[in-house]
Amino acid sequence: MNSYLRSPHIKYNSGIDRVKMKEYPEDSVKGSAAPFSNMLNSYYMDPTDPCYEICQRVIRDMTQYGVCVLNNFLGRERGLLVLNEVLQMYRSGIFKAGQLVSNPGCTDAQTIRSDRITWIDGKEPHCYHIGQLISQVDNIILKANKMANNGKMGDYNIDGRTKAMVACYPGSGSHYVKHVDNPNKDGRCITAIYYLNLDWDVRKYGGLLRVFPEGLNQVADIEPIFDRILFFWSDRRNPHEVQPAYATRYAITLWYFDSHEKAAARKKLKRGEASSSK
């Protein structure tokens, strides 16, 4: 069995038909990015640092499996504070139907993704605890990217991320079809998803995240349980889908940028804009 298939907290299934996939990237690139300041080329982490073991786990699992799942990420009390802020935002009516980067006005967008989303940077007055979550994820990703002996995390120079996408799948079979977050080298290298679903029973409510690791005949099934965070490579190595949800399902997603790929994507975009203006 491939070493990928021994990652904890993930259920694996074989013999499942690998359906054809269209390329529908997330609508994150259009949101303004959040560059990191005071970036270091390397970072020494003291083993007594509270983040040390988490960073080591992220490095190990991302290197071996391409996916890392951590439970009890914030702890129940802090997780509930984040959930309450998300619920308040949803009740305020600021969530909008999810869009597609490739074609924001696409008439069949809701057959592709039927979630409702809003974008935040964590600095809004009503998002203090969400901001703390974002800071904690930033801290782990940046340290794992810069510390010594960091495996495949060292293949990238992470210098920023998108805003946070807060998503609600409002039940009634809402879903997101199989897709790749970054199929065309737009700069995103790591996807981080934090789940907020109390007492979630995937047998009753569905909403499973299914990952189709490149080159393997098995799939990874990840239940969107409360206070769980998931990291995976954003490129073609990890096509994934959100299966129909029959209860309200919440998640917060961040995408982290590799500086070199992002710069190349910007140059490509400018060349395209220049040629189209002629």
Protein backbone atom coordinates (compact mmCIF):
# COMPACT_ATOMS: atom_id res chain seq x y z
CA MET A 1 0.00 0.00 0.00
CA ASN A 2 1.26 3.45 -0.86
CA SER A 3 2.45 5.44 2.20
CA TYR A 4 -0.12 8.12 1.37
CA LEU A 5 -2.84 5.74 2.42
CA ARG A 6 -1.71 5.50 6.03
CA SER A 7 -2.45 9.08 7.01
CA PRO A 8 -4.49 9.21 10.26
CA HIS A 9 -8.02 10.72 10.49
CA ILE A 10 -8.69 9.86 6.83
CA LYS A 11 -10.80 6.98 5.58
CA TYR A 12 -9.71 5.43 2.30
CA ASN A 13 -11.87 3.62 -0.23
CA SER A 14 -10.83 1.66 -3.29
CA GLY A 15 -12.85 0.41 -6.22
CA ILE A 16 -14.75 3.70 -6.57
CA ASP A 17 -15.28 4.99 -10.09
CA ARG A 18 -13.07 8.00 -10.72
CA VAL A 19 -15.52 10.31 -12.48
CA LYS A 20 -14.33 12.75 -15.10
CA MET A 21 -13.42 16.14 -13.71
CA LYS A 22 -13.93 19.60 -15.07
CA GLU A 23 -11.54 22.32 -13.93
CA TYR A 24 -13.38 24.81 -11.75
CA PRO A 25 -10.90 26.71 -9.59
CA GLU A 26 -12.07 28.37 -6.40
CA ASP A 27 -13.05 32.01 -6.52
CA SER A 28 -10.14 33.10 -4.35
CA VAL A 29 -7.66 34.65 -6.72
CA LYS A 30 -9.97 37.58 -7.33
CA GLY A 31 -9.97 38.42 -3.62
CA SER A 32 -7.17 40.71 -2.50
CA ALA A 33 -4.23 38.77 -1.14
CA ALA A 34 -2.65 39.23 2.26
CA PRO A 35 1.15 39.46 1.89
CA PHE A 36 3.29 38.61 4.86
CA SER A 37 5.75 41.15 6.21
CA ASN A 38 9.13 40.58 7.87
CA MET A 39 9.66 37.32 6.03
CA LEU A 40 12.72 35.28 7.03
CA ASN A 41 14.65 32.99 4.69
CA SER A 42 14.98 30.39 7.44
CA TYR A 43 13.59 29.85 10.90
CA TYR A 44 14.91 27.96 13.91
CA MET A 45 12.11 26.56 16.04
CA ASP A 46 12.81 25.60 19.61
CA PRO A 47 11.40 22.13 20.30
CA THR A 48 9.67 23.60 23.37
CA ASP A 49 7.66 25.94 21.12
CA PRO A 50 3.94 24.98 21.40
CA CYS A 51 3.75 24.86 17.60
CA TYR A 52 6.76 22.58 17.17
CA GLU A 53 4.94 19.23 17.17
CA ILE A 54 2.15 20.57 14.93
CA CYS A 55 4.66 21.90 12.41
CA GLN A 56 6.51 18.59 12.43
CA ARG A 57 3.22 16.78 11.79
CA VAL A 58 2.34 19.11 8.90
CA ILE A 59 5.80 18.65 7.35
CA ARG A 60 5.67 14.86 7.72
CA ASP A 61 2.15 14.35 6.37
CA MET A 62 2.39 16.87 3.53
CA THR A 63 5.67 15.27 2.44
CA GLN A 64 4.48 11.66 2.70
CA TYR A 65 0.80 11.94 1.83
CA GLY A 66 0.15 15.40 0.34
CA VAL A 67 -2.63 15.82 2.91
CA CYS A 68 -2.56 16.57 6.63
CA VAL A 69 -5.55 16.40 9.00
CA LEU A 70 -5.42 17.76 12.56
CA ASN A 71 -8.25 17.37 15.06
CA ASN A 72 -8.98 19.64 18.05
CA PHE A 73 -7.06 22.44 16.37
CA LEU A 74 -8.26 25.34 18.52
CA GLY A 75 -10.00 23.47 21.30
CA ARG A 76 -13.75 23.41 21.85
CA GLU A 77 -14.07 26.78 23.61
CA ARG A 78 -12.15 28.76 20.98
CA GLY A 79 -13.76 26.81 18.16
CA LEU A 80 -17.22 27.74 19.45
CA LEU A 81 -16.26 31.41 19.48
CA VAL A 82 -15.27 31.16 15.81
CA LEU A 83 -18.51 29.32 15.00
CA ASN A 84 -20.61 31.99 16.72
CA GLU A 85 -18.99 34.71 14.60
CA VAL A 86 -19.66 32.72 11.42
CA LEU A 87 -23.31 32.17 12.42
CA GLN A 88 -23.75 35.89 13.09
CA MET A 89 -22.30 36.73 9.67
CA TYR A 90 -24.57 34.23 7.96
CA ARG A 91 -27.65 35.61 9.69
CA SER A 92 -26.65 39.12 8.58
CA GLY A 93 -27.15 38.12 4.94
CA ILE A 94 -23.65 38.91 3.63
CA PHE A 95 -23.07 35.46 2.10
CA LYS A 96 -23.40 35.26 -1.68
CA ALA A 97 -23.61 32.36 -4.12
CA GLY A 98 -20.19 30.86 -4.89
CA GLN A 99 -18.69 31.99 -8.20
CA LEU A 100 -16.19 30.52 -10.65
CA VAL A 101 -12.88 32.20 -11.46
CA SER A 102 -12.93 31.07 -15.05
CA ASN A 103 -16.43 32.41 -15.71
CA PRO A 104 -17.99 34.45 -12.89
CA GLY A 105 -21.24 34.89 -14.82
CA CYS A 106 -21.58 31.22 -15.69
CA THR A 107 -25.26 30.28 -15.85
CA ASP A 108 -24.65 26.73 -14.61
CA ALA A 109 -22.43 27.78 -11.69
CA GLN A 110 -24.96 26.53 -9.14
CA THR A 111 -24.88 23.03 -10.63
CA ILE A 112 -21.09 23.09 -10.14
CA ARG A 113 -21.03 24.59 -6.66
CA SER A 114 -24.07 25.41 -4.51
CA ASP A 115 -22.34 26.85 -1.48
CA ARG A 116 -22.76 30.43 -0.27
CA ILE A 117 -19.62 32.38 0.63
CA THR A 118 -18.19 35.61 1.95
CA TRP A 119 -14.60 36.92 2.02
CA ILE A 120 -12.96 38.39 5.12
CA ASP A 121 -9.46 39.34 6.23
CA GLY A 122 -10.08 38.69 9.94
CA LYS A 123 -9.67 42.33 10.90
CA GLU A 124 -13.36 43.21 10.76
CA PRO A 125 -14.93 44.18 14.12
CA HIS A 126 -17.19 41.11 14.14
CA CYS A 127 -14.37 38.68 13.27
CA TYR A 128 -11.94 38.85 16.18
CA HIS A 129 -11.89 35.10 16.85
CA ILE A 130 -11.82 34.25 13.14
CA GLY A 131 -8.81 36.57 12.92
CA GLN A 132 -7.13 34.62 15.71
CA LEU A 133 -7.76 31.39 13.82
CA ILE A 134 -6.24 32.88 10.67
CA SER A 135 -3.17 34.05 12.61
CA GLN A 136 -2.67 30.60 14.10
CA VAL A 137 -2.86 28.93 10.68
CA ASP A 138 -0.47 31.54 9.24
CA ASN A 139 1.97 30.89 12.07
CA ILE A 140 2.04 27.14 11.45
CA ILE A 141 2.34 27.38 7.66
CA LEU A 142 5.10 30.00 7.75
CA LYS A 143 7.14 28.21 10.39
CA ALA A 144 6.80 24.86 8.63
CA ASN A 145 7.84 26.54 5.38
CA LYS A 146 10.96 28.13 6.85
CA MET A 147 12.27 25.71 9.47
CA ALA A 148 15.05 23.22 8.79
CA ASN A 149 14.39 19.69 7.51
CA ASN A 150 10.98 20.68 6.22
CA GLY A 151 10.55 18.13 3.45
CA LYS A 152 8.34 19.15 0.54
CA MET A 153 7.22 22.23 2.46
CA GLY A 154 10.66 23.58 1.56
CA ASP A 155 9.87 23.35 -2.16
CA TYR A 156 7.96 26.63 -1.90
CA ASN A 157 8.61 30.20 -0.83
CA ILE A 158 5.34 31.15 0.85
CA ASP A 159 4.96 34.91 1.00
CA GLY A 160 1.22 35.49 1.30
CA ARG A 161 -2.28 34.08 1.13
CA THR A 162 -5.78 34.90 0.02
CA LYS A 163 -8.41 36.37 2.27
CA ALA A 164 -10.40 33.80 4.18
CA MET A 165 -13.34 32.32 2.32
CA VAL A 166 -16.14 31.50 4.76
CA ALA A 167 -18.47 28.99 3.13
CA CYS A 168 -21.90 27.63 4.01
CA TYR A 169 -23.46 24.62 2.32
CA PRO A 170 -27.10 25.21 3.34
CA GLY A 171 -28.25 21.58 3.18
CA SER A 172 -30.77 20.35 0.60
CA GLY A 173 -28.02 18.50 -1.27
CA SER A 174 -25.71 21.52 -1.69
CA HIS A 175 -22.35 20.41 -3.05
CA TYR A 176 -19.22 21.23 -5.06
CA VAL A 177 -18.33 18.94 -7.96
CA LYS A 178 -14.91 17.36 -8.39
CA HIS A 179 -12.32 20.05 -9.16
CA VAL A 180 -8.75 21.23 -8.63
CA ASP A 181 -8.19 24.45 -6.71
CA ASN A 182 -5.19 25.50 -8.78
CA PRO A 183 -5.09 23.64 -12.12
CA ASN A 184 -3.32 26.40 -14.06
CA LYS A 185 -0.44 27.53 -11.83
CA ASP A 186 -2.03 30.67 -10.38
CA GLY A 187 0.36 30.70 -7.40
CA ARG A 188 -1.61 28.83 -4.76
CA CYS A 189 0.36 25.94 -3.28
CA ILE A 190 -1.44 24.99 -0.05
CA THR A 191 -5.15 24.81 0.75
CA ALA A 192 -6.16 25.00 4.42
CA ILE A 193 -9.76 24.24 5.45
CA TYR A 194 -11.11 24.61 9.01
CA TYR A 195 -14.43 22.91 9.80
CA LEU A 196 -17.11 24.17 12.20
CA ASN A 197 -19.77 21.45 12.23
CA LEU A 198 -20.83 20.28 15.67
CA ASP A 199 -21.99 16.68 16.09
CA TRP A 200 -21.65 16.04 12.36
CA ASP A 201 -22.68 12.53 11.29
CA VAL A 202 -21.69 11.98 7.68
CA ARG A 203 -24.08 9.01 7.42
CA LYS A 204 -27.02 11.32 8.15
CA TYR A 205 -25.85 14.64 6.77
CA GLY A 206 -23.43 13.76 3.95
CA GLY A 207 -21.10 16.67 3.16
CA LEU A 208 -18.02 14.45 2.93
CA LEU A 209 -14.87 15.89 1.39
CA ARG A 210 -13.49 13.27 -1.00
CA VAL A 211 -9.93 13.68 -2.30
CA PHE A 212 -8.75 11.80 -5.42
CA PRO A 213 -4.94 11.69 -5.01
CA GLU A 214 -3.16 11.83 -8.34
CA GLY A 215 -1.90 8.48 -9.59
CA LEU A 216 -3.70 6.35 -7.01
CA ASN A 217 -6.72 4.08 -7.36
CA GLN A 218 -8.04 4.94 -3.91
CA VAL A 219 -9.77 8.02 -2.58
CA ALA A 220 -9.41 9.78 0.78
CA ASP A 221 -12.66 10.57 2.62
CA ILE A 222 -12.49 13.37 5.18
CA GLU A 223 -15.45 14.12 7.43
CA PRO A 224 -16.03 17.87 8.09
CA ILE A 225 -16.15 17.57 11.88
CA PHE A 226 -15.96 20.46 14.34
CA ASP A 227 -12.51 21.92 15.09
CA ARG A 228 -10.76 19.84 12.43
CA ILE A 229 -8.29 21.48 10.04
CA LEU A 230 -7.14 20.03 6.76
CA PHE A 231 -4.09 20.97 4.66
CA PHE A 232 -3.38 19.72 1.13
CA TRP A 233 -1.45 20.70 -1.99
CA SER A 234 -3.64 22.99 -4.10
CA ASP A 235 -2.47 21.80 -7.51
CA ARG A 236 -3.42 18.84 -9.71
CA ARG A 237 -2.13 16.34 -7.16
CA ASN A 238 -5.38 16.63 -5.18
CA PRO A 239 -8.64 16.80 -7.15
CA HIS A 240 -11.49 16.83 -4.64
CA GLU A 241 -15.24 17.26 -4.23
CA VAL A 242 -17.76 18.16 -1.55
CA GLN A 243 -20.48 15.56 -1.65
CA PRO A 244 -24.13 16.64 -1.19
CA ALA A 245 -24.81 18.03 2.28
CA TYR A 246 -28.24 17.58 3.87
CA ALA A 247 -27.61 19.78 6.89
CA THR A 248 -25.98 23.20 7.14
CA ARG A 249 -22.22 22.79 6.76
CA TYR A 250 -19.66 25.53 7.53
CA ALA A 251 -15.96 25.83 6.65
CA ILE A 252 -13.26 28.51 6.46
CA THR A 253 -10.66 28.18 3.69
CA LEU A 254 -7.31 29.88 3.14
CA TRP A 255 -4.97 29.47 0.17
CA TYR A 256 -1.23 30.13 0.55
CA PHE A 257 0.87 31.52 -2.32
CA ASP A 258 4.27 30.45 -3.57
CA SER A 259 6.06 33.67 -4.55
CA HIS A 260 7.72 32.27 -7.68
CA GLU A 261 4.61 30.71 -9.20
CA LYS A 262 2.54 33.77 -8.29
CA ALA A 263 5.04 36.09 -10.01
CA ALA A 264 4.99 33.91 -13.13
CA ALA A 265 1.18 33.94 -13.13
CA ARG A 266 1.14 37.74 -12.92
CA LYS A 267 3.56 38.02 -15.85
CA LYS A 268 1.40 35.66 -17.88
CA LEU A 269 -1.71 37.69 -17.05
CA LYS A 270 -0.03 40.95 -18.06
CA ARG A 271 1.11 39.45 -21.35
CA GLY A 272 -2.43 38.30 -22.04
CA GLU A 273 -3.87 41.72 -21.20
CA ALA A 274 -1.30 43.42 -23.41
CA SER A 275 -2.03 41.16 -26.40
CA SER A 276 -5.80 41.51 -26.00
CA SER A 277 -5.55 45.31 -25.98
CA LYS A 278 -3.80 45.39 -29.38
